[in-house]
Structures are given as structure tokens and as C-alpha cells.
Amino acid sequence: MLVQLPEEQTQEIQKMIATLIKDEIHHFKEDMGLDTPFLNKKQTCHYLGVSHNTLDIWIAMGLPYIRVGKSIRFSKESINQWMTRLEISA
């Protein structure tokens, strides 16, 4: 069975799908912290590919963070610099 829609409806459906995809990409980037230089703990765990427990251990080891009231944020630049300092050359 073939269903043919008028061109106007086809275009409207295409616009709706494009909007949904754009919104999902935006939410994904927001959740991962891709559009900001500062990350929360969850985003930092994703960024580093580690668990919350590992992140807490790394904080205790000196991973730099920013505390504003009860909020903790991590600078991507500071994370990268800290990780580079830990790099071991063979």
C-alpha cells in the first residue's frame, strides 16, 4: 500500500523531523558540556570517562575545581592541564 501526501504535508513533516533532531543534538551537547568551558560533576565524569567515585579520588589527588556556594564546576582547560602534568613519558 502506497500513501502519497501532498507536498505541503511532506515539507511540514520534514521540518518537524529536522527540528526534533536539532533539539536532540542540542540537549546531547548540553548534557555532555560540549558548548561550555565549565562542567558540573556529571559532565566531568563523561568528559573524563570515569565514575563519580574516581572523580572524587582525583579531586582528592588535586584535580582543580571551582566552588561557588554548594556548586562545583570544573574548567576543561584546567582538567587538561592537570592530566598533562600526570602524563608519563616512556
PDB file of N, CA and C in Angstrom:
ATOM      1  N   MET A   1       0.845  -1.177   0.000  1.00  0.00           N
ATOM      2  CA  MET A   1       0.000   0.000   0.000  1.00  0.00           C
ATOM      3  C   MET A   1       0.888   1.237   0.000  1.00  0.00           C
ATOM      4  N   LEU A   2       0.641   2.111  -0.919  1.00  0.00           N
ATOM      5  CA  LEU A   2       1.425   3.327  -1.061  1.00  0.00           C
ATOM      6  C   LEU A   2       0.583   4.512  -0.622  1.00  0.00           C
ATOM      7  N   VAL A   3       1.143   5.299   0.286  1.00  0.00           N
ATOM      8  CA  VAL A   3       0.462   6.501   0.761  1.00  0.00           C
ATOM      9  C   VAL A   3       1.223   7.699   0.219  1.00  0.00           C
ATOM     10  N   GLN A   4       0.500   8.548  -0.468  1.00  0.00           N
ATOM     11  CA  GLN A   4       1.119   9.753  -1.000  1.00  0.00           C
ATOM     12  C   GLN A   4       0.517  10.951  -0.289  1.00  0.00           C
ATOM     13  N   LEU A   5       1.401  11.794   0.200  1.00  0.00           N
ATOM     14  CA  LEU A   5       0.980  13.003   0.886  1.00  0.00           C
ATOM     15  C   LEU A   5       1.190  14.196  -0.027  1.00  0.00           C
ATOM     16  N   PRO A   6       0.380  15.212   0.158  1.00  0.00           N
ATOM     17  CA  PRO A   6       0.625  16.440  -0.604  1.00  0.00           C
ATOM     18  C   PRO A   6       2.007  17.008  -0.234  1.00  0.00           C
ATOM     19  N   GLU A   7       2.623  17.686  -1.169  1.00  0.00           N
ATOM     20  CA  GLU A   7       3.968  18.248  -0.975  1.00  0.00           C
ATOM     21  C   GLU A   7       4.029  19.120   0.281  1.00  0.00           C
ATOM     22  N   GLU A   8       2.989  19.866   0.552  1.00  0.00           N
ATOM     23  CA  GLU A   8       2.951  20.746   1.730  1.00  0.00           C
ATOM     24  C   GLU A   8       3.081  19.933   3.022  1.00  0.00           C
ATOM     25  N   GLN A   9       2.375  18.821   3.102  1.00  0.00           N
ATOM     26  CA  GLN A   9       2.458  17.979   4.297  1.00  0.00           C
ATOM     27  C   GLN A   9       3.826  17.303   4.401  1.00  0.00           C
ATOM     28  N   THR A  10       4.371  16.886   3.295  1.00  0.00           N
ATOM     29  CA  THR A  10       5.693  16.270   3.282  1.00  0.00           C
ATOM     30  C   THR A  10       6.741  17.250   3.813  1.00  0.00           C
ATOM     31  N   GLN A  11       6.668  18.487   3.360  1.00  0.00           N
ATOM     32  CA  GLN A  11       7.607  19.511   3.805  1.00  0.00           C
ATOM     33  C   GLN A  11       7.427  19.796   5.301  1.00  0.00           C
ATOM     34  N   GLU A  12       6.207  19.823   5.764  1.00  0.00           N
ATOM     35  CA  GLU A  12       5.930  20.079   7.182  1.00  0.00           C
ATOM     36  C   GLU A  12       6.498  18.947   8.051  1.00  0.00           C
ATOM     37  N   ILE A  13       6.343  17.728   7.612  1.00  0.00           N
ATOM     38  CA  ILE A  13       6.898  16.575   8.339  1.00  0.00           C
ATOM     39  C   ILE A  13       8.427  16.649   8.352  1.00  0.00           C
ATOM     40  N   GLN A  14       9.023  17.018   7.228  1.00  0.00           N
ATOM     41  CA  GLN A  14      10.475  17.153   7.161  1.00  0.00           C
ATOM     42  C   GLN A  14      10.968  18.231   8.118  1.00  0.00           C
ATOM     43  N   LYS A  15      10.256  19.348   8.195  1.00  0.00           N
ATOM     44  CA  LYS A  15      10.619  20.428   9.121  1.00  0.00           C
ATOM     45  C   LYS A  15      10.517  19.954  10.568  1.00  0.00           C
ATOM     46  N   MET A  16       9.466  19.198  10.891  1.00  0.00           N
ATOM     47  CA  MET A  16       9.284  18.695  12.246  1.00  0.00           C
ATOM     48  C   MET A  16      10.419  17.741  12.623  1.00  0.00           C
ATOM     49  N   ILE A  17      10.769  16.855  11.719  1.00  0.00           N
ATOM     50  CA  ILE A  17      11.855  15.898  11.973  1.00  0.00           C
ATOM     51  C   ILE A  17      13.177  16.649  12.142  1.00  0.00           C
ATOM     52  N   ALA A  18      13.440  17.624  11.299  1.00  0.00           N
ATOM     53  CA  ALA A  18      14.676  18.402  11.400  1.00  0.00           C
ATOM     54  C   ALA A  18      14.742  19.136  12.740  1.00  0.00           C
ATOM     55  N   THR A  19      13.634  19.694  13.187  1.00  0.00           N
ATOM     56  CA  THR A  19      13.582  20.394  14.473  1.00  0.00           C
ATOM     57  C   THR A  19      13.832  19.429  15.626  1.00  0.00           C
ATOM     58  N   LEU A  20      13.223  18.247  15.571  1.00  0.00           N
ATOM     59  CA  LEU A  20      13.440  17.245  16.619  1.00  0.00           C
ATOM     60  C   LEU A  20      14.907  16.824  16.687  1.00  0.00           C
ATOM     61  N   ILE A  21      15.513  16.592  15.540  1.00  0.00           N
ATOM     62  CA  ILE A  21      16.922  16.194  15.508  1.00  0.00           C
ATOM     63  C   ILE A  21      17.806  17.310  16.057  1.00  0.00           C
ATOM     64  N   LYS A  22      17.534  18.537  15.643  1.00  0.00           N
ATOM     65  CA  LYS A  22      18.311  19.687  16.120  1.00  0.00           C
ATOM     66  C   LYS A  22      18.190  19.822  17.635  1.00  0.00           C
ATOM     67  N   ASP A  23      16.986  19.672  18.174  1.00  0.00           N
ATOM     68  CA  ASP A  23      16.770  19.765  19.620  1.00  0.00           C
ATOM     69  C   ASP A  23      17.505  18.657  20.368  1.00  0.00           C
ATOM     70  N   GLU A  24      17.474  17.443  19.833  1.00  0.00           N
ATOM     71  CA  GLU A  24      18.161  16.318  20.476  1.00  0.00           C
ATOM     72  C   GLU A  24      19.671  16.528  20.474  1.00  0.00           C
ATOM     73  N   ILE A  25      20.208  17.041  19.386  1.00  0.00           N
ATOM     74  CA  ILE A  25      21.643  17.327  19.325  1.00  0.00           C
ATOM     75  C   ILE A  25      22.001  18.394  20.350  1.00  0.00           C
ATOM     76  N   HIS A  26      21.177  19.427  20.452  1.00  0.00           N
ATOM     77  CA  HIS A  26      21.408  20.497  21.427  1.00  0.00           C
ATOM     78  C   HIS A  26      21.404  19.940  22.849  1.00  0.00           C
ATOM     79  N   HIS A  27      20.416  19.103  23.176  1.00  0.00           N
ATOM     80  CA  HIS A  27      20.326  18.526  24.517  1.00  0.00           C
ATOM     81  C   HIS A  27      21.520  17.615  24.798  1.00  0.00           C
ATOM     82  N   PHE A  28      21.938  16.844  23.813  1.00  0.00           N
ATOM     83  CA  PHE A  28      23.094  15.971  23.973  1.00  0.00           C
ATOM     84  C   PHE A  28      24.342  16.795  24.259  1.00  0.00           C
ATOM     85  N   LYS A  29      24.566  17.845  23.463  1.00  0.00           N
ATOM     86  CA  LYS A  29      25.733  18.697  23.644  1.00  0.00           C
ATOM     87  C   LYS A  29      25.694  19.379  25.008  1.00  0.00           C
ATOM     88  N   GLU A  30      24.508  19.784  25.421  1.00  0.00           N
ATOM     89  CA  GLU A  30      24.339  20.423  26.729  1.00  0.00           C
ATOM     90  C   GLU A  30      24.637  19.433  27.851  1.00  0.00           C
ATOM     91  N   ASP A  31      24.086  18.228  27.753  1.00  0.00           N
ATOM     92  CA  ASP A  31      24.326  17.195  28.774  1.00  0.00           C
ATOM     93  C   ASP A  31      25.799  16.837  28.883  1.00  0.00           C
ATOM     94  N   MET A  32      26.493  16.824  27.775  1.00  0.00           N
ATOM     95  CA  MET A  32      27.907  16.451  27.762  1.00  0.00           C
ATOM     96  C   MET A  32      28.823  17.645  28.045  1.00  0.00           C
ATOM     97  N   GLY A  33      28.246  18.845  28.077  1.00  0.00           N
ATOM     98  CA  GLY A  33      29.054  20.029  28.344  1.00  0.00           C
ATOM     99  C   GLY A  33      29.923  20.452  27.180  1.00  0.00           C
ATOM    100  N   LEU A  34      29.507  20.140  25.983  1.00  0.00           N
ATOM    101  CA  LEU A  34      30.331  20.427  24.811  1.00  0.00           C
ATOM    102  C   LEU A  34      30.338  21.904  24.424  1.00  0.00           C
ATOM    103  N   ASP A  35      29.342  22.651  24.866  1.00  0.00           N
ATOM    104  CA  ASP A  35      29.241  24.056  24.479  1.00  0.00           C
ATOM    105  C   ASP A  35      29.684  25.014  25.574  1.00  0.00           C
ATOM    106  N   THR A  36      30.292  24.513  26.637  1.00  0.00           N
ATOM    107  CA  THR A  36      30.678  25.369  27.742  1.00  0.00           C
ATOM    108  C   THR A  36      32.092  25.028  28.204  1.00  0.00           C
ATOM    109  N   PRO A  37      32.831  26.029  28.675  1.00  0.00           N
ATOM    110  CA  PRO A  37      34.179  25.744  29.173  1.00  0.00           C
ATOM    111  C   PRO A  37      34.171  25.156  30.588  1.00  0.00           C
ATOM    112  N   PHE A  38      33.016  25.206  31.265  1.00  0.00           N
ATOM    113  CA  PHE A  38      32.911  24.714  32.632  1.00  0.00           C
ATOM    114  C   PHE A  38      31.894  23.581  32.720  1.00  0.00           C
ATOM    115  N   LEU A  39      32.247  22.549  33.485  1.00  0.00           N
ATOM    116  CA  LEU A  39      31.434  21.352  33.582  1.00  0.00           C
ATOM    117  C   LEU A  39      31.002  21.113  35.027  1.00  0.00           C
ATOM    118  N   ASN A  40      29.814  20.505  35.196  1.00  0.00           N
ATOM    119  CA  ASN A  40      29.427  20.040  36.520  1.00  0.00           C
ATOM    120  C   ASN A  40      30.042  18.652  36.726  1.00  0.00           C
ATOM    121  N   LYS A  41      29.781  18.029  37.878  1.00  0.00           N
ATOM    122  CA  LYS A  41      30.417  16.735  38.162  1.00  0.00           C
ATOM    123  C   LYS A  41      30.005  15.654  37.160  1.00  0.00           C
ATOM    124  N   LYS A  42      28.733  15.604  36.830  1.00  0.00           N
ATOM    125  CA  LYS A  42      28.257  14.587  35.891  1.00  0.00           C
ATOM    126  C   LYS A  42      28.920  14.764  34.523  1.00  0.00           C
ATOM    127  N   GLN A  43      28.959  15.997  34.052  1.00  0.00           N
ATOM    128  CA  GLN A  43      29.579  16.278  32.759  1.00  0.00           C
ATOM    129  C   GLN A  43      31.073  15.970  32.794  1.00  0.00           C
ATOM    130  N   THR A  44      31.711  16.259  33.928  1.00  0.00           N
ATOM    131  CA  THR A  44      33.138  15.992  34.068  1.00  0.00           C
ATOM    132  C   THR A  44      33.413  14.496  34.016  1.00  0.00           C
ATOM    133  N   CYS A  45      32.557  13.713  34.653  1.00  0.00           N
ATOM    134  CA  CYS A  45      32.702  12.249  34.583  1.00  0.00           C
ATOM    135  C   CYS A  45      32.604  11.770  33.144  1.00  0.00           C
ATOM    136  N   HIS A  46      31.640  12.301  32.391  1.00  0.00           N
ATOM    137  CA  HIS A  46      31.505  11.940  30.976  1.00  0.00           C
ATOM    138  C   HIS A  46      32.737  12.386  30.189  1.00  0.00           C
ATOM    139  N   TYR A  47      33.175  13.602  30.458  1.00  0.00           N
ATOM    140  CA  TYR A  47      34.323  14.180  29.747  1.00  0.00           C
ATOM    141  C   TYR A  47      35.572  13.321  29.943  1.00  0.00           C
ATOM    142  N   LEU A  48      35.772  12.860  31.181  1.00  0.00           N
ATOM    143  CA  LEU A  48      36.958  12.068  31.504  1.00  0.00           C
ATOM    144  C   LEU A  48      36.761  10.574  31.327  1.00  0.00           C
ATOM    145  N   GLY A  49      35.506  10.152  31.200  1.00  0.00           N
ATOM    146  CA  GLY A  49      35.215   8.737  31.053  1.00  0.00           C
ATOM    147  C   GLY A  49      35.466   7.954  32.332  1.00  0.00           C
ATOM    148  N   VAL A  50      35.126   8.569  33.471  1.00  0.00           N
ATOM    149  CA  VAL A  50      35.340   7.930  34.768  1.00  0.00           C
ATOM    150  C   VAL A  50      34.050   7.961  35.588  1.00  0.00           C
ATOM    151  N   SER A  51      34.032   7.169  36.646  1.00  0.00           N
ATOM    152  CA  SER A  51      32.881   7.131  37.545  1.00  0.00           C
ATOM    153  C   SER A  51      32.944   8.307  38.524  1.00  0.00           C
ATOM    154  N   HIS A  52      31.846   8.519  39.245  1.00  0.00           N
ATOM    155  CA  HIS A  52      31.809   9.575  40.265  1.00  0.00           C
ATOM    156  C   HIS A  52      32.839   9.288  41.358  1.00  0.00           C
ATOM    157  N   ASN A  53      32.993   8.015  41.726  1.00  0.00           N
ATOM    158  CA  ASN A  53      33.978   7.653  42.755  1.00  0.00           C
ATOM    159  C   ASN A  53      35.395   7.996  42.307  1.00  0.00           C
ATOM    160  N   THR A  54      35.709   7.682  41.067  1.00  0.00           N
ATOM    161  CA  THR A  54      37.037   8.000  40.545  1.00  0.00           C
ATOM    162  C   THR A  54      37.246   9.506  40.511  1.00  0.00           C
ATOM    163  N   LEU A  55      36.221  10.243  40.097  1.00  0.00           N
ATOM    164  CA  LEU A  55      36.332  11.702  40.072  1.00  0.00           C
ATOM    165  C   LEU A  55      36.623  12.229  41.478  1.00  0.00           C
ATOM    166  N   ASP A  56      35.934  11.722  42.473  1.00  0.00           N
ATOM    167  CA  ASP A  56      36.170  12.161  43.854  1.00  0.00           C
ATOM    168  C   ASP A  56      37.603  11.858  44.295  1.00  0.00           C
ATOM    169  N   ILE A  57      38.130  10.704  43.882  1.00  0.00           N
ATOM    170  CA  ILE A  57      39.520  10.353  44.205  1.00  0.00           C
ATOM    171  C   ILE A  57      40.466  11.333  43.526  1.00  0.00           C
ATOM    172  N   TRP A  58      40.199  11.637  42.260  1.00  0.00           N
ATOM    173  CA  TRP A  58      41.050  12.567  41.534  1.00  0.00           C
ATOM    174  C   TRP A  58      40.997  13.966  42.128  1.00  0.00           C
ATOM    175  N   ILE A  59      39.821  14.365  42.622  1.00  0.00           N
ATOM    176  CA  ILE A  59      39.711  15.667  43.300  1.00  0.00           C
ATOM    177  C   ILE A  59      40.622  15.661  44.530  1.00  0.00           C
ATOM    178  N   ALA A  60      40.589  14.565  45.285  1.00  0.00           N
ATOM    179  CA  ALA A  60      41.444  14.439  46.466  1.00  0.00           C
ATOM    180  C   ALA A  60      42.924  14.450  46.080  1.00  0.00           C
ATOM    181  N   MET A  61      43.231  13.991  44.869  1.00  0.00           N
ATOM    182  CA  MET A  61      44.612  13.978  44.372  1.00  0.00           C
ATOM    183  C   MET A  61      45.039  15.344  43.825  1.00  0.00           C
ATOM    184  N   GLY A  62      44.107  16.275  43.737  1.00  0.00           N
ATOM    185  CA  GLY A  62      44.474  17.619  43.291  1.00  0.00           C
ATOM    186  C   GLY A  62      43.820  18.104  42.018  1.00  0.00           C
ATOM    187  N   LEU A  63      42.878  17.349  41.469  1.00  0.00           N
ATOM    188  CA  LEU A  63      42.174  17.836  40.276  1.00  0.00           C
ATOM    189  C   LEU A  63      41.521  19.175  40.624  1.00  0.00           C
ATOM    190  N   PRO A  64      41.866  20.245  39.911  1.00  0.00           N
ATOM    191  CA  PRO A  64      41.330  21.565  40.258  1.00  0.00           C
ATOM    192  C   PRO A  64      39.829  21.686  39.978  1.00  0.00           C
ATOM    193  N   TYR A  65      39.162  22.400  40.854  1.00  0.00           N
ATOM    194  CA  TYR A  65      37.736  22.652  40.683  1.00  0.00           C
ATOM    195  C   TYR A  65      37.403  24.034  41.216  1.00  0.00           C
ATOM    196  N   ILE A  66      36.236  24.492  40.877  1.00  0.00           N
ATOM    197  CA  ILE A  66      35.744  25.803  41.299  1.00  0.00           C
ATOM    198  C   ILE A  66      34.514  25.573  42.154  1.00  0.00           C
ATOM    199  N   ARG A  67      34.495  26.162  43.335  1.00  0.00           N
ATOM    200  CA  ARG A  67      33.321  26.038  44.194  1.00  0.00           C
ATOM    201  C   ARG A  67      32.640  27.404  44.262  1.00  0.00           C
ATOM    202  N   VAL A  68      31.364  27.416  43.912  1.00  0.00           N
ATOM    203  CA  VAL A  68      30.536  28.607  44.034  1.00  0.00           C
ATOM    204  C   VAL A  68      29.343  28.202  44.897  1.00  0.00           C
ATOM    205  N   GLY A  69      29.375  28.597  46.165  1.00  0.00           N
ATOM    206  CA  GLY A  69      28.353  28.134  47.093  1.00  0.00           C
ATOM    207  C   GLY A  69      28.474  26.633  47.244  1.00  0.00           C
ATOM    208  N   LYS A  70      27.395  25.921  46.954  1.00  0.00           N
ATOM    209  CA  LYS A  70      27.413  24.460  47.028  1.00  0.00           C
ATOM    210  C   LYS A  70      27.717  23.815  45.680  1.00  0.00           C
ATOM    211  N   SER A  71      27.791  24.624  44.646  1.00  0.00           N
ATOM    212  CA  SER A  71      28.048  24.107  43.297  1.00  0.00           C
ATOM    213  C   SER A  71      29.539  23.925  43.062  1.00  0.00           C
ATOM    214  N   ILE A  72      29.863  22.857  42.367  1.00  0.00           N
ATOM    215  CA  ILE A  72      31.240  22.590  41.972  1.00  0.00           C
ATOM    216  C   ILE A  72      31.289  22.553  40.449  1.00  0.00           C
ATOM    217  N   ARG A  73      32.251  23.268  39.904  1.00  0.00           N
ATOM    218  CA  ARG A  73      32.449  23.287  38.458  1.00  0.00           C
ATOM    219  C   ARG A  73      33.909  22.986  38.159  1.00  0.00           C
ATOM    220  N   PHE A  74      34.127  22.463  36.984  1.00  0.00           N
ATOM    221  CA  PHE A  74      35.467  22.107  36.537  1.00  0.00           C
ATOM    222  C   PHE A  74      35.736  22.802  35.218  1.00  0.00           C
ATOM    223  N   SER A  75      36.901  23.411  35.115  1.00  0.00           N
ATOM    224  CA  SER A  75      37.327  24.044  33.870  1.00  0.00           C
ATOM    225  C   SER A  75      37.950  22.984  32.977  1.00  0.00           C
ATOM    226  N   LYS A  76      37.488  22.887  31.748  1.00  0.00           N
ATOM    227  CA  LYS A  76      38.072  21.925  30.807  1.00  0.00           C
ATOM    228  C   LYS A  76      39.566  22.184  30.641  1.00  0.00           C
ATOM    229  N   GLU A  77      39.928  23.449  30.556  1.00  0.00           N
ATOM    230  CA  GLU A  77      41.331  23.812  30.380  1.00  0.00           C
ATOM    231  C   GLU A  77      42.166  23.331  31.570  1.00  0.00           C
ATOM    232  N   SER A  78      41.667  23.551  32.784  1.00  0.00           N
ATOM    233  CA  SER A  78      42.394  23.115  33.984  1.00  0.00           C
ATOM    234  C   SER A  78      42.477  21.598  34.070  1.00  0.00           C
ATOM    235  N   ILE A  79      41.398  20.919  33.682  1.00  0.00           N
ATOM    236  CA  ILE A  79      41.408  19.451  33.666  1.00  0.00           C
ATOM    237  C   ILE A  79      42.494  18.958  32.719  1.00  0.00           C
ATOM    238  N   ASN A  80      42.528  19.526  31.522  1.00  0.00           N
ATOM    239  CA  ASN A  80      43.510  19.102  30.515  1.00  0.00           C
ATOM    240  C   ASN A  80      44.939  19.362  30.997  1.00  0.00           C
ATOM    241  N   GLN A  81      45.165  20.506  31.621  1.00  0.00           N
ATOM    242  CA  GLN A  81      46.499  20.825  32.132  1.00  0.00           C
ATOM    243  C   GLN A  81      46.889  19.856  33.242  1.00  0.00           C
ATOM    244  N   TRP A  82      45.963  19.555  34.144  1.00  0.00           N
ATOM    245  CA  TRP A  82      46.234  18.637  35.252  1.00  0.00           C
ATOM    246  C   TRP A  82      46.571  17.247  34.718  1.00  0.00           C
ATOM    247  N   MET A  83      45.786  16.802  33.750  1.00  0.00           N
ATOM    248  CA  MET A  83      46.020  15.474  33.178  1.00  0.00           C
ATOM    249  C   MET A  83      47.379  15.439  32.465  1.00  0.00           C
ATOM    250  N   THR A  84      47.741  16.507  31.776  1.00  0.00           N
ATOM    251  CA  THR A  84      49.023  16.575  31.075  1.00  0.00           C
ATOM    252  C   THR A  84      50.189  16.500  32.056  1.00  0.00           C
ATOM    253  N   ARG A  85      50.042  17.139  33.210  1.00  0.00           N
ATOM    254  CA  ARG A  85      51.102  17.085  34.225  1.00  0.00           C
ATOM    255  C   ARG A  85      51.304  15.671  34.749  1.00  0.00           C
ATOM    256  N   LEU A  86      50.259  14.853  34.702  1.00  0.00           N
ATOM    257  CA  LEU A  86      50.347  13.476  35.189  1.00  0.00           C
ATOM    258  C   LEU A  86      50.872  12.522  34.122  1.00  0.00           C
ATOM    259  N   GLU A  87      50.992  13.019  32.915  1.00  0.00           N
ATOM    260  CA  GLU A  87      51.408  12.166  31.799  1.00  0.00           C
ATOM    261  C   GLU A  87      52.817  11.620  32.032  1.00  0.00           C
ATOM    262  N   ILE A  88      52.953  10.345  31.760  1.00  0.00           N
ATOM    263  CA  ILE A  88      54.238   9.662  31.931  1.00  0.00           C
ATOM    264  C   ILE A  88      54.803   9.345  30.553  1.00  0.00           C
ATOM    265  N   SER A  89      56.027   9.781  30.337  1.00  0.00           N
ATOM    266  CA  SER A  89      56.688   9.505  29.058  1.00  0.00           C
ATOM    267  C   SER A  89      57.440   8.184  29.153  1.00  0.00           C
ATOM    268  N   ALA A  90      57.385   7.427  28.084  1.00  0.00           N
ATOM    269  CA  ALA A  90      58.091   6.133  28.066  1.00  0.00           C
ATOM    270  C   ALA A  90      59.527   6.303  27.695  1.00  0.00           C
TER     271      ALA A  90
END
